[in-house]
PDB file of all heavy atoms in Angstrom:
ATOM      1  N   GLY A   1      25.425  24.462  -4.794  1.00  0.00           N
ATOM      2  CA  GLY A   1      26.374  23.420  -4.708  1.00  0.00           C
ATOM      3  C   GLY A   1      26.315  22.657  -3.374  1.00  0.00           C
ATOM      4  O   GLY A   1      27.014  21.617  -3.161  1.00  0.00           O
ATOM      5  N   GLY A   2      25.561  23.074  -2.428  1.00  0.00           N
ATOM      6  CA  GLY A   2      25.379  22.450  -1.095  1.00  0.00           C
ATOM      7  C   GLY A   2      24.396  21.269  -1.091  1.00  0.00           C
ATOM      8  O   GLY A   2      23.896  20.941  -2.093  1.00  0.00           O
ATOM      9  N   SER A   3      24.249  20.778   0.146  1.00  0.00           N
ATOM     10  CA  SER A   3      23.408  19.645   0.305  1.00  0.00           C
ATOM     11  C   SER A   3      22.429  19.856   1.374  1.00  0.00           C
ATOM     12  O   SER A   3      22.615  20.733   2.274  1.00  0.00           O
ATOM     13  CB  SER A   3      24.276  18.402   0.679  1.00  0.00           C
ATOM     14  OG  SER A   3      25.144  18.045  -0.357  1.00  0.00           O
ATOM     15  N   LEU A   4      21.301  19.152   1.349  1.00  0.00           N
ATOM     16  CA  LEU A   4      20.236  19.262   2.321  1.00  0.00           C
ATOM     17  C   LEU A   4      19.543  17.833   2.380  1.00  0.00           C
ATOM     18  O   LEU A   4      19.409  17.202   1.351  1.00  0.00           O
ATOM     19  CB  LEU A   4      19.305  20.316   1.955  1.00  0.00           C
ATOM     20  CG  LEU A   4      18.538  21.105   3.012  1.00  0.00           C
ATOM     21  CD1 LEU A   4      19.487  21.786   3.985  1.00  0.00           C
ATOM     22  CD2 LEU A   4      17.637  22.117   2.379  1.00  0.00           C
ATOM     23  N   ARG A   5      19.115  17.517   3.544  1.00  0.00           N
ATOM     24  CA  ARG A   5      18.254  16.236   3.629  1.00  0.00           C
ATOM     25  C   ARG A   5      16.935  16.622   4.336  1.00  0.00           C
ATOM     26  O   ARG A   5      16.892  17.099   5.456  1.00  0.00           O
ATOM     27  CB  ARG A   5      18.977  15.190   4.491  1.00  0.00           C
ATOM     28  CG  ARG A   5      18.301  13.885   4.442  1.00  0.00           C
ATOM     29  CD  ARG A   5      18.983  12.767   5.261  1.00  0.00           C
ATOM     30  NE  ARG A   5      18.695  12.886   6.678  1.00  0.00           N
ATOM     31  CZ  ARG A   5      18.909  11.878   7.512  1.00  0.00           C
ATOM     32  NH1 ARG A   5      19.319  10.700   7.090  1.00  0.00           N
ATOM     33  NH2 ARG A   5      18.709  12.050   8.862  1.00  0.00           N
ATOM     34  N   LEU A   6      15.913  16.266   3.590  1.00  0.00           N
ATOM     35  CA  LEU A   6      14.502  16.394   4.120  1.00  0.00           C
ATOM     36  C   LEU A   6      14.142  15.092   4.738  1.00  0.00           C
ATOM     37  O   LEU A   6      14.446  13.942   4.224  1.00  0.00           O
ATOM     38  CB  LEU A   6      13.559  16.838   3.043  1.00  0.00           C
ATOM     39  CG  LEU A   6      13.835  18.121   2.320  1.00  0.00           C
ATOM     40  CD1 LEU A   6      12.761  18.366   1.268  1.00  0.00           C
ATOM     41  CD2 LEU A   6      13.964  19.283   3.270  1.00  0.00           C
ATOM     42  N   SER A   7      13.353  15.174   5.806  1.00  0.00           N
ATOM     43  CA  SER A   7      12.748  13.972   6.397  1.00  0.00           C
ATOM     44  C   SER A   7      11.227  14.076   6.423  1.00  0.00           C
ATOM     45  O   SER A   7      10.658  15.205   6.613  1.00  0.00           O
ATOM     46  CB  SER A   7      13.233  13.803   7.891  1.00  0.00           C
ATOM     47  OG  SER A   7      14.683  13.668   7.873  1.00  0.00           O
ATOM     48  N   CYS A   8      10.618  13.000   6.345  1.00  0.00           N
ATOM     49  CA  CYS A   8       9.100  12.946   6.477  1.00  0.00           C
ATOM     50  C   CYS A   8       8.770  11.758   7.356  1.00  0.00           C
ATOM     51  O   CYS A   8       8.909  10.548   6.914  1.00  0.00           O
ATOM     52  CB  CYS A   8       8.489  12.805   5.072  1.00  0.00           C
ATOM     53  SG  CYS A   8       6.662  12.642   5.106  1.00  0.00           S
ATOM     54  N   ALA A   9       8.293  12.001   8.552  1.00  0.00           N
ATOM     55  CA  ALA A   9       7.936  10.962   9.515  1.00  0.00           C
ATOM     56  C   ALA A   9       6.498  10.762   9.453  1.00  0.00           C
ATOM     57  O   ALA A   9       5.690  11.751   9.672  1.00  0.00           O
ATOM     58  CB  ALA A   9       8.395  11.349  10.918  1.00  0.00           C
ATOM     59  N   ALA A  10       6.070   9.551   9.227  1.00  0.00           N
ATOM     60  CA  ALA A  10       4.610   9.228   9.111  1.00  0.00           C
ATOM     61  C   ALA A  10       4.148   8.449  10.344  1.00  0.00           C
ATOM     62  O   ALA A  10       4.880   7.664  10.971  1.00  0.00           O
ATOM     63  CB  ALA A  10       4.417   8.322   7.878  1.00  0.00           C
ATOM     64  N   SER A  11       2.833   8.730  10.670  1.00  0.00           N
ATOM     65  CA  SER A  11       2.232   7.986  11.729  1.00  0.00           C
ATOM     66  C   SER A  11       0.797   7.740  11.379  1.00  0.00           C
ATOM     67  O   SER A  11       0.200   8.484  10.553  1.00  0.00           O
ATOM     68  CB  SER A  11       2.313   8.707  13.083  1.00  0.00           C
ATOM     69  OG  SER A  11       1.693  10.006  12.951  1.00  0.00           O
ATOM     70  N   GLY A  12       0.212   6.683  11.916  1.00  0.00           N
ATOM     71  CA  GLY A  12      -1.182   6.412  11.657  1.00  0.00           C
ATOM     72  C   GLY A  12      -1.455   5.607  10.377  1.00  0.00           C
ATOM     73  O   GLY A  12      -2.624   5.405   9.983  1.00  0.00           O
ATOM     74  N   ILE A  13      -0.390   5.170   9.698  1.00  0.00           N
ATOM     75  CA  ILE A  13      -0.533   4.274   8.531  1.00  0.00           C
ATOM     76  C   ILE A  13       0.430   3.118   8.675  1.00  0.00           C
ATOM     77  O   ILE A  13       1.478   3.206   9.363  1.00  0.00           O
ATOM     78  CB  ILE A  13      -0.256   5.033   7.224  1.00  0.00           C
ATOM     79  CG1 ILE A  13       1.214   5.571   7.212  1.00  0.00           C
ATOM     80  CG2 ILE A  13      -1.324   6.180   6.983  1.00  0.00           C
ATOM     81  CD1 ILE A  13       1.651   6.070   5.903  1.00  0.00           C
ATOM     82  N   PRO A  14       0.138   2.075   7.975  1.00  0.00           N
ATOM     83  CA  PRO A  14       1.176   0.933   7.895  1.00  0.00           C
ATOM     84  C   PRO A  14       2.165   1.311   6.884  1.00  0.00           C
ATOM     85  O   PRO A  14       2.142   0.960   5.689  1.00  0.00           O
ATOM     86  CB  PRO A  14       0.317  -0.217   7.421  1.00  0.00           C
ATOM     87  CG  PRO A  14      -0.849   0.330   6.623  1.00  0.00           C
ATOM     88  CD  PRO A  14      -1.117   1.622   7.280  1.00  0.00           C
ATOM     89  N   PHE A  15       3.146   2.052   7.345  1.00  0.00           N
ATOM     90  CA  PHE A  15       4.094   2.783   6.477  1.00  0.00           C
ATOM     91  C   PHE A  15       4.810   1.808   5.445  1.00  0.00           C
ATOM     92  O   PHE A  15       4.989   2.194   4.314  1.00  0.00           O
ATOM     93  CB  PHE A  15       5.205   3.385   7.308  1.00  0.00           C
ATOM     94  CG  PHE A  15       6.257   4.191   6.562  1.00  0.00           C
ATOM     95  CD1 PHE A  15       6.027   5.525   6.185  1.00  0.00           C
ATOM     96  CD2 PHE A  15       7.442   3.596   6.341  1.00  0.00           C
ATOM     97  CE1 PHE A  15       6.953   6.152   5.486  1.00  0.00           C
ATOM     98  CE2 PHE A  15       8.447   4.272   5.658  1.00  0.00           C
ATOM     99  CZ  PHE A  15       8.181   5.581   5.241  1.00  0.00           C
ATOM    100  N   SER A  16       5.099   0.663   5.870  1.00  0.00           N
ATOM    101  CA  SER A  16       5.991  -0.267   4.971  1.00  0.00           C
ATOM    102  C   SER A  16       5.306  -0.626   3.695  1.00  0.00           C
ATOM    103  O   SER A  16       5.945  -1.050   2.701  1.00  0.00           O
ATOM    104  CB  SER A  16       6.404  -1.459   5.746  1.00  0.00           C
ATOM    105  OG  SER A  16       5.306  -2.279   6.070  1.00  0.00           O
ATOM    106  N   ILE A  17       3.954  -0.567   3.723  1.00  0.00           N
ATOM    107  CA  ILE A  17       3.243  -0.991   2.429  1.00  0.00           C
ATOM    108  C   ILE A  17       2.875   0.129   1.540  1.00  0.00           C
ATOM    109  O   ILE A  17       2.169   0.002   0.549  1.00  0.00           O
ATOM    110  CB  ILE A  17       2.041  -1.804   2.771  1.00  0.00           C
ATOM    111  CG1 ILE A  17       0.967  -1.072   3.507  1.00  0.00           C
ATOM    112  CG2 ILE A  17       2.412  -3.090   3.514  1.00  0.00           C
ATOM    113  CD1 ILE A  17      -0.357  -1.850   3.704  1.00  0.00           C
ATOM    114  N   TYR A  18       3.223   1.410   1.954  1.00  0.00           N
ATOM    115  CA  TYR A  18       2.937   2.627   1.238  1.00  0.00           C
ATOM    116  C   TYR A  18       4.040   2.934   0.224  1.00  0.00           C
ATOM    117  O   TYR A  18       5.270   2.824   0.583  1.00  0.00           O
ATOM    118  CB  TYR A  18       2.700   3.810   2.125  1.00  0.00           C
ATOM    119  CG  TYR A  18       1.287   3.972   2.574  1.00  0.00           C
ATOM    120  CD1 TYR A  18       0.636   2.970   3.331  1.00  0.00           C
ATOM    121  CD2 TYR A  18       0.539   5.074   2.305  1.00  0.00           C
ATOM    122  CE1 TYR A  18      -0.725   3.156   3.711  1.00  0.00           C
ATOM    123  CE2 TYR A  18      -0.786   5.198   2.643  1.00  0.00           C
ATOM    124  CZ  TYR A  18      -1.458   4.271   3.342  1.00  0.00           C
ATOM    125  OH  TYR A  18      -2.685   4.375   3.743  1.00  0.00           O
ATOM    126  N   THR A  19       3.606   3.409  -0.918  1.00  0.00           N
ATOM    127  CA  THR A  19       4.557   4.076  -1.838  1.00  0.00           C
ATOM    128  C   THR A  19       4.700   5.533  -1.369  1.00  0.00           C
ATOM    129  O   THR A  19       3.754   6.206  -1.044  1.00  0.00           O
ATOM    130  CB  THR A  19       4.054   4.073  -3.265  1.00  0.00           C
ATOM    131  OG1 THR A  19       4.045   2.775  -3.782  1.00  0.00           O
ATOM    132  CG2 THR A  19       4.869   4.964  -4.169  1.00  0.00           C
ATOM    133  N   MET A  20       5.959   5.955  -1.166  1.00  0.00           N
ATOM    134  CA  MET A  20       6.291   7.282  -0.657  1.00  0.00           C
ATOM    135  C   MET A  20       6.925   8.099  -1.774  1.00  0.00           C
ATOM    136  O   MET A  20       7.540   7.556  -2.707  1.00  0.00           O
ATOM    137  CB  MET A  20       7.205   7.172   0.488  1.00  0.00           C
ATOM    138  CG  MET A  20       6.672   6.398   1.655  1.00  0.00           C
ATOM    139  SD  MET A  20       5.110   7.011   2.362  1.00  0.00           S
ATOM    140  CE  MET A  20       5.691   8.600   2.919  1.00  0.00           C
ATOM    141  N   GLY A  21       6.745   9.401  -1.712  1.00  0.00           N
ATOM    142  CA  GLY A  21       7.349  10.251  -2.672  1.00  0.00           C
ATOM    143  C   GLY A  21       7.494  11.683  -2.229  1.00  0.00           C
ATOM    144  O   GLY A  21       7.033  12.044  -1.107  1.00  0.00           O
ATOM    145  N   TRP A  22       8.153  12.478  -3.007  1.00  0.00           N
ATOM    146  CA  TRP A  22       8.384  13.913  -2.684  1.00  0.00           C
ATOM    147  C   TRP A  22       7.988  14.666  -4.047  1.00  0.00           C
ATOM    148  O   TRP A  22       8.419  14.350  -5.136  1.00  0.00           O
ATOM    149  CB  TRP A  22       9.860  14.180  -2.410  1.00  0.00           C
ATOM    150  CG  TRP A  22      10.241  13.671  -1.041  1.00  0.00           C
ATOM    151  CD1 TRP A  22      10.803  12.480  -0.747  1.00  0.00           C
ATOM    152  CD2 TRP A  22      10.203  14.366   0.184  1.00  0.00           C
ATOM    153  NE1 TRP A  22      11.107  12.341   0.565  1.00  0.00           N
ATOM    154  CE2 TRP A  22      10.689  13.548   1.157  1.00  0.00           C
ATOM    155  CE3 TRP A  22       9.745  15.633   0.581  1.00  0.00           C
ATOM    156  CZ2 TRP A  22      10.743  13.900   2.578  1.00  0.00           C
ATOM    157  CZ3 TRP A  22       9.832  15.987   1.837  1.00  0.00           C
ATOM    158  CH2 TRP A  22      10.356  15.145   2.877  1.00  0.00           C
ATOM    159  N   TYR A  23       7.223  15.727  -3.829  1.00  0.00           N
ATOM    160  CA  TYR A  23       6.863  16.663  -4.844  1.00  0.00           C
ATOM    161  C   TYR A  23       7.464  18.017  -4.531  1.00  0.00           C
ATOM    162  O   TYR A  23       7.796  18.216  -3.305  1.00  0.00           O
ATOM    163  CB  TYR A  23       5.365  16.774  -5.000  1.00  0.00           C
ATOM    164  CG  TYR A  23       4.717  15.673  -5.815  1.00  0.00           C
ATOM    165  CD1 TYR A  23       4.495  14.419  -5.285  1.00  0.00           C
ATOM    166  CD2 TYR A  23       4.196  15.916  -7.084  1.00  0.00           C
ATOM    167  CE1 TYR A  23       3.922  13.438  -6.039  1.00  0.00           C
ATOM    168  CE2 TYR A  23       3.552  14.939  -7.819  1.00  0.00           C
ATOM    169  CZ  TYR A  23       3.430  13.722  -7.280  1.00  0.00           C
ATOM    170  OH  TYR A  23       2.812  12.685  -7.994  1.00  0.00           O
ATOM    171  N   ARG A  24       7.538  18.928  -5.441  1.00  0.00           N
ATOM    172  CA  ARG A  24       7.966  20.262  -5.081  1.00  0.00           C
ATOM    173  C   ARG A  24       7.170  21.198  -5.916  1.00  0.00           C
ATOM    174  O   ARG A  24       6.690  20.876  -7.066  1.00  0.00           O
ATOM    175  CB  ARG A  24       9.413  20.478  -5.313  1.00  0.00           C
ATOM    176  CG  ARG A  24       9.908  20.392  -6.774  1.00  0.00           C
ATOM    177  CD  ARG A  24      11.391  20.498  -6.848  1.00  0.00           C
ATOM    178  NE  ARG A  24      11.882  20.491  -8.253  1.00  0.00           N
ATOM    179  CZ  ARG A  24      13.112  20.416  -8.537  1.00  0.00           C
ATOM    180  NH1 ARG A  24      14.095  20.413  -7.570  1.00  0.00           N
ATOM    181  NH2 ARG A  24      13.533  20.348  -9.862  1.00  0.00           N
ATOM    182  N   GLN A  25       7.030  22.452  -5.447  1.00  0.00           N
ATOM    183  CA  GLN A  25       6.289  23.512  -6.132  1.00  0.00           C
ATOM    184  C   GLN A  25       7.055  24.812  -5.974  1.00  0.00           C
ATOM    185  O   GLN A  25       7.159  25.303  -4.875  1.00  0.00           O
ATOM    186  CB  GLN A  25       4.874  23.661  -5.638  1.00  0.00           C
ATOM    187  CG  GLN A  25       4.018  24.577  -6.499  1.00  0.00           C
ATOM    188  CD  GLN A  25       2.509  24.439  -6.170  1.00  0.00           C
ATOM    189  OE1 GLN A  25       2.145  23.976  -5.117  1.00  0.00           O
ATOM    190  NE2 GLN A  25       1.718  24.898  -7.154  1.00  0.00           N
ATOM    191  N   ALA A  26       7.557  25.334  -7.077  1.00  0.00           N
ATOM    192  CA  ALA A  26       8.242  26.583  -7.086  1.00  0.00           C
ATOM    193  C   ALA A  26       7.241  27.674  -7.295  1.00  0.00           C
ATOM    194  O   ALA A  26       6.156  27.449  -7.913  1.00  0.00           O
ATOM    195  CB  ALA A  26       9.322  26.542  -8.240  1.00  0.00           C
ATOM    196  N   PRO A  27       7.522  28.878  -6.997  1.00  0.00           N
ATOM    197  CA  PRO A  27       6.588  29.991  -7.229  1.00  0.00           C
ATOM    198  C   PRO A  27       6.167  30.153  -8.637  1.00  0.00           C
ATOM    199  O   PRO A  27       7.020  30.154  -9.537  1.00  0.00           O
ATOM    200  CB  PRO A  27       7.446  31.270  -6.707  1.00  0.00           C
ATOM    201  CG  PRO A  27       8.392  30.740  -5.790  1.00  0.00           C
ATOM    202  CD  PRO A  27       8.764  29.352  -6.268  1.00  0.00           C
ATOM    203  N   GLY A  28       4.878  30.206  -8.850  1.00  0.00           N
ATOM    204  CA  GLY A  28       4.318  30.389 -10.218  1.00  0.00           C
ATOM    205  C   GLY A  28       4.377  29.143 -11.043  1.00  0.00           C
ATOM    206  O   GLY A  28       4.084  29.178 -12.299  1.00  0.00           O
ATOM    207  N   LYS A  29       4.787  27.954 -10.517  1.00  0.00           N
ATOM    208  CA  LYS A  29       4.830  26.785 -11.273  1.00  0.00           C
ATOM    209  C   LYS A  29       3.921  25.687 -10.700  1.00  0.00           C
ATOM    210  O   LYS A  29       3.563  25.751  -9.533  1.00  0.00           O
ATOM    211  CB  LYS A  29       6.264  26.231 -11.284  1.00  0.00           C
ATOM    212  CG  LYS A  29       7.216  27.097 -12.071  1.00  0.00           C
ATOM    213  CD  LYS A  29       8.578  26.552 -12.180  1.00  0.00           C
ATOM    214  CE  LYS A  29       9.507  27.371 -13.061  1.00  0.00           C
ATOM    215  NZ  LYS A  29      10.853  26.751 -13.261  1.00  0.00           N
ATOM    216  N   GLN A  30       3.677  24.612 -11.434  1.00  0.00           N
ATOM    217  CA  GLN A  30       2.821  23.537 -11.007  1.00  0.00           C
ATOM    218  C   GLN A  30       3.700  22.667 -10.105  1.00  0.00           C
ATOM    219  O   GLN A  30       4.856  22.543 -10.223  1.00  0.00           O
ATOM    220  CB  GLN A  30       2.316  22.790 -12.227  1.00  0.00           C
ATOM    221  CG  GLN A  30       1.254  23.460 -13.008  1.00  0.00           C
ATOM    222  CD  GLN A  30       0.585  22.563 -14.020  1.00  0.00           C
ATOM    223  OE1 GLN A  30       1.176  21.650 -14.531  1.00  0.00           O
ATOM    224  NE2 GLN A  30      -0.682  22.817 -14.312  1.00  0.00           N
ATOM    225  N   ARG A  31       2.977  21.959  -9.200  1.00  0.00           N
ATOM    226  CA  ARG A  31       3.664  20.959  -8.381  1.00  0.00           C
ATOM    227  C   ARG A  31       4.109  19.802  -9.260  1.00  0.00           C
ATOM    228  O   ARG A  31       3.388  19.390 -10.161  1.00  0.00           O
ATOM    229  CB  ARG A  31       2.659  20.454  -7.320  1.00  0.00           C
ATOM    230  CG  ARG A  31       3.308  19.609  -6.199  1.00  0.00           C
ATOM    231  CD  ARG A  31       2.373  19.314  -5.100  1.00  0.00           C
ATOM    232  NE  ARG A  31       1.887  20.501  -4.373  1.00  0.00           N
ATOM    233  CZ  ARG A  31       1.174  20.497  -3.349  1.00  0.00           C
ATOM    234  NH1 ARG A  31       0.833  19.274  -2.774  1.00  0.00           N
ATOM    235  NH2 ARG A  31       0.740  21.555  -2.703  1.00  0.00           N
ATOM    236  N   GLU A  32       5.392  19.406  -9.039  1.00  0.00           N
ATOM    237  CA  GLU A  32       5.951  18.300  -9.861  1.00  0.00           C
ATOM    238  C   GLU A  32       6.546  17.249  -9.012  1.00  0.00           C
ATOM    239  O   GLU A  32       7.032  17.507  -7.899  1.00  0.00           O
ATOM    240  CB  GLU A  32       6.987  18.898 -10.790  1.00  0.00           C
ATOM    241  CG  GLU A  32       8.208  19.487 -10.055  1.00  0.00           C
ATOM    242  CD  GLU A  32       9.283  19.941 -11.013  1.00  0.00           C
ATOM    243  OE1 GLU A  32       9.224  19.753 -12.241  1.00  0.00           O
ATOM    244  OE2 GLU A  32      10.328  20.504 -10.514  1.00  0.00           O
ATOM    245  N   LEU A  33       6.509  16.005  -9.509  1.00  0.00           N
ATOM    246  CA  LEU A  33       7.146  14.898  -8.820  1.00  0.00           C
ATOM    247  C   LEU A  33       8.687  15.079  -8.917  1.00  0.00           C
ATOM    248  O   LEU A  33       9.277  15.215  -9.928  1.00  0.00           O
ATOM    249  CB  LEU A  33       6.722  13.586  -9.485  1.00  0.00           C
ATOM    250  CG  LEU A  33       7.339  12.324  -8.853  1.00  0.00           C
ATOM    251  CD1 LEU A  33       6.877  12.035  -7.456  1.00  0.00           C
ATOM    252  CD2 LEU A  33       7.039  11.140  -9.770  1.00  0.00           C
ATOM    253  N   VAL A  34       9.319  14.821  -7.724  1.00  0.00           N
ATOM    254  CA  VAL A  34      10.806  14.876  -7.652  1.00  0.00           C
ATOM    255  C   VAL A  34      11.315  13.420  -7.625  1.00  0.00           C
ATOM    256  O   VAL A  34      12.166  13.054  -8.370  1.00  0.00           O
ATOM    257  CB  VAL A  34      11.252  15.615  -6.402  1.00  0.00           C
ATOM    258  CG1 VAL A  34      12.792  15.580  -6.316  1.00  0.00           C
ATOM    259  CG2 VAL A  34      10.730  17.018  -6.439  1.00  0.00           C
ATOM    260  N   ALA A  35      10.679  12.643  -6.748  1.00  0.00           N
ATOM    261  CA  ALA A  35      11.148  11.254  -6.588  1.00  0.00           C
ATOM    262  C   ALA A  35      10.098  10.394  -5.899  1.00  0.00           C
ATOM    263  O   ALA A  35       9.274  10.984  -5.171  1.00  0.00           O
ATOM    264  CB  ALA A  35      12.453  11.210  -5.819  1.00  0.00           C
ATOM    265  N   GLY A  36      10.112   9.164  -6.145  1.00  0.00           N
ATOM    266  CA  GLY A  36       9.195   8.185  -5.480  1.00  0.00           C
ATOM    267  C   GLY A  36       9.918   6.933  -5.108  1.00  0.00           C
ATOM    268  O   GLY A  36      10.930   6.573  -5.803  1.00  0.00           O
ATOM    269  N   ILE A  37       9.410   6.172  -4.121  1.00  0.00           N
ATOM    270  CA  ILE A  37       9.937   4.889  -3.811  1.00  0.00           C
ATOM    271  C   ILE A  37       8.832   3.937  -3.431  1.00  0.00           C
ATOM    272  O   ILE A  37       7.984   4.317  -2.634  1.00  0.00           O
ATOM    273  CB  ILE A  37      11.016   5.002  -2.715  1.00  0.00           C
ATOM    274  CG1 ILE A  37      11.674   3.680  -2.435  1.00  0.00           C
ATOM    275  CG2 ILE A  37      10.477   5.651  -1.461  1.00  0.00           C
ATOM    276  CD1 ILE A  37      12.954   3.735  -1.675  1.00  0.00           C
ATOM    277  N   THR A  38       8.786   2.851  -4.008  1.00  0.00           N
ATOM    278  CA  THR A  38       7.745   1.794  -3.743  1.00  0.00           C
ATOM    279  C   THR A  38       7.951   1.109  -2.405  1.00  0.00           C
ATOM    280  O   THR A  38       8.981   1.273  -1.753  1.00  0.00           O
ATOM    281  CB  THR A  38       7.593   0.823  -4.840  1.00  0.00           C
ATOM    282  OG1 THR A  38       8.869   0.013  -4.875  1.00  0.00           O
ATOM    283  CG2 THR A  38       7.458   1.473  -6.208  1.00  0.00           C
ATOM    284  N   SER A  39       6.924   0.333  -2.042  1.00  0.00           N
ATOM    285  CA  SER A  39       7.076  -0.410  -0.784  1.00  0.00           C
ATOM    286  C   SER A  39       8.156  -1.378  -0.781  1.00  0.00           C
ATOM    287  O   SER A  39       8.734  -1.760   0.246  1.00  0.00           O
ATOM    288  CB  SER A  39       5.737  -1.093  -0.439  1.00  0.00           C
ATOM    289  OG  SER A  39       5.424  -1.955  -1.524  1.00  0.00           O
ATOM    290  N   ASN A  40       8.582  -1.899  -2.010  1.00  0.00           N
ATOM    291  CA  ASN A  40       9.657  -2.819  -2.058  1.00  0.00           C
ATOM    292  C   ASN A  40      10.996  -2.158  -2.503  1.00  0.00           C
ATOM    293  O   ASN A  40      11.961  -2.844  -2.910  1.00  0.00           O
ATOM    294  CB  ASN A  40       9.354  -3.964  -2.973  1.00  0.00           C
ATOM    295  CG  ASN A  40       8.989  -3.512  -4.378  1.00  0.00           C
ATOM    296  OD1 ASN A  40       9.027  -2.366  -4.747  1.00  0.00           O
ATOM    297  ND2 ASN A  40       8.593  -4.527  -5.221  1.00  0.00           N
ATOM    298  N   GLY A  41      11.072  -0.739  -2.377  1.00  0.00           N
ATOM    299  CA  GLY A  41      12.333  -0.083  -2.493  1.00  0.00           C
ATOM    300  C   GLY A  41      12.722   0.298  -3.836  1.00  0.00           C
ATOM    301  O   GLY A  41      13.851   0.707  -4.099  1.00  0.00           O
ATOM    302  N   ILE A  42      11.847   0.241  -4.867  1.00  0.00           N
ATOM    303  CA  ILE A  42      12.161   0.700  -6.188  1.00  0.00           C
ATOM    304  C   ILE A  42      11.986   2.165  -6.284  1.00  0.00           C
ATOM    305  O   ILE A  42      10.821   2.680  -6.038  1.00  0.00           O
ATOM    306  CB  ILE A  42      11.319  -0.059  -7.249  1.00  0.00           C
ATOM    307  CG1 ILE A  42      11.632  -1.595  -7.157  1.00  0.00           C
ATOM    308  CG2 ILE A  42      11.630   0.510  -8.638  1.00  0.00           C
ATOM    309  CD1 ILE A  42      10.747  -2.412  -8.052  1.00  0.00           C
ATOM    310  N   ALA A  43      13.005   2.890  -6.711  1.00  0.00           N
ATOM    311  CA  ALA A  43      12.920   4.361  -6.713  1.00  0.00           C
ATOM    312  C   ALA A  43      12.869   4.865  -8.178  1.00  0.00           C
ATOM    313  O   ALA A  43      13.427   4.205  -9.053  1.00  0.00           O
ATOM    314  CB  ALA A  43      14.177   4.965  -6.018  1.00  0.00           C
TER     315      ALA A  43
END
């Protein structure tokens, strides 16, 4: 029921033109996409 915020700080790339995303991998499971956001803010 709680909340948490993850951060990912990037360097060495032109960040604003990159599509960014988060994946997760639970024990014994495949890595899966959680969320993505394009360079123009579409999630």
